[in-house]
Protein backbone atom coordinates (compact mmCIF):
# COMPACT_ATOMS: atom_id res chain seq x y z
CA MET A 1 0.19 13.04 2.61
CA GLY A 2 -1.64 16.27 3.53
CA CYS A 3 0.13 16.16 7.00
CA LEU A 4 3.65 15.92 5.47
CA ALA A 5 2.85 18.70 2.91
CA ALA A 6 1.55 20.86 5.93
CA SER A 7 4.52 19.98 8.09
CA VAL A 8 6.83 21.33 5.26
CA TYR A 9 4.85 24.55 5.04
CA TYR A 10 4.77 25.11 8.65
CA VAL A 11 8.57 24.41 8.92
CA ILE A 12 9.32 26.86 6.10
CA LEU A 13 6.81 29.39 7.66
CA ARG A 14 8.59 29.01 11.10
CA LEU A 15 11.96 29.78 9.28
CA LEU A 16 10.57 32.66 7.38
CA GLN A 17 8.62 34.28 10.43
CA PRO A 18 10.36 33.50 13.69
CA ASP A 19 7.83 35.68 15.44
CA LEU A 20 5.20 33.05 15.50
CA PRO A 21 3.76 32.18 18.76
CA ARG A 22 5.59 29.34 20.86
CA GLY A 23 4.11 25.98 20.18
CA PHE A 24 2.04 27.21 17.15
CA VAL A 25 3.74 24.88 14.69
CA SER A 26 3.78 21.86 16.89
CA ILE A 27 0.24 22.13 17.74
CA GLN A 28 -0.96 22.49 14.15
CA LEU A 29 1.14 19.54 13.15
CA LEU A 30 -0.34 17.37 16.04
CA ILE A 31 -3.83 18.43 15.12
CA LEU A 32 -3.29 17.70 11.34
CA PHE A 33 -1.74 14.25 12.10
CA GLY A 34 -4.67 13.35 14.36
CA ILE A 35 -7.05 14.27 11.66
CA GLY A 36 -5.17 12.11 9.11
CA LEU A 37 -5.03 9.23 11.58
CA ASN A 38 -8.74 9.37 12.15
CA ALA A 39 -9.45 9.43 8.42
CA PHE A 40 -7.40 6.38 8.06
CA LEU A 41 -8.77 4.45 10.76
CA LEU A 42 -12.30 5.42 9.68
CA GLY A 43 -11.53 4.19 6.12
CA ILE A 44 -10.30 0.78 7.63
CA ILE A 45 -13.73 0.39 9.62
CA GLY A 46 -15.66 1.41 6.54
CA GLU A 47 -13.86 -1.33 4.32
CA TYR A 48 -14.53 -3.93 7.25
CA ILE A 49 -18.27 -2.87 7.37
CA LEU A 50 -18.35 -3.13 3.50
CA ARG A 51 -16.96 -6.75 3.67
CA ILE A 52 -19.55 -7.66 6.38
CA TYR A 53 -22.32 -6.19 4.17
CA ARG A 54 -21.18 -8.17 1.12
CA VAL A 55 -21.03 -11.39 3.02
CA LEU A 56 -24.41 -10.87 4.73
CA ARG A 57 -26.11 -9.99 1.52
CA ALA A 58 -24.81 -13.05 -0.32
CA ASP A 59 -26.68 -12.91 -3.47
CA PRO A 60 -27.19 -16.15 -5.18
CA ILE A 61 -25.16 -16.91 -8.19
CA ALA A 62 -28.17 -17.63 -10.44
CA ILE A 63 -31.76 -17.16 -10.18
CA VAL A 64 -33.85 -20.12 -11.14
CA GLU A 65 -36.91 -19.03 -13.14
CA ARG A 66 -38.12 -22.83 -13.79
CA THR A 67 -37.02 -26.15 -13.53
CA LEU A 68 -37.22 -29.27 -15.78
CA ASN A 69 -38.14 -32.57 -14.44
CA MET A 70 -38.30 -31.21 -10.81
CA GLN A 71 -40.90 -30.33 -8.47
CA PRO A 72 -40.54 -27.54 -6.04
CA ASN A 73 -40.80 -29.76 -3.23
CA ASP A 74 -37.84 -31.73 -4.42
CA LEU A 75 -35.36 -28.65 -4.05
CA LYS A 76 -33.29 -28.82 -0.79
CA LEU A 77 -32.00 -25.73 0.52
C-alpha cells in the first residue's frame, strides 16, 4: 500500500519537476518495493513461528487439582 502511494507521488513529482536526476524515481520505487516485500515476508515468517510456538506450548485443556476414586499411579500419560 505504501509503495503504491509512493509510486503515485513520485510519478506526479516527475511530471511536475522534469529536472530530477535520471533514475531517481525508479531507484526510489525499487527501494520502497524491496522494503515492502521484506516486511511482508517477515510477517509470514513471524506467523509461522507463532504457530510453531503455540503447538509446542500445547497447554492442557484442564488442570486436575484432585481426583476421585483414582490413585496418582493409575493415571497414564
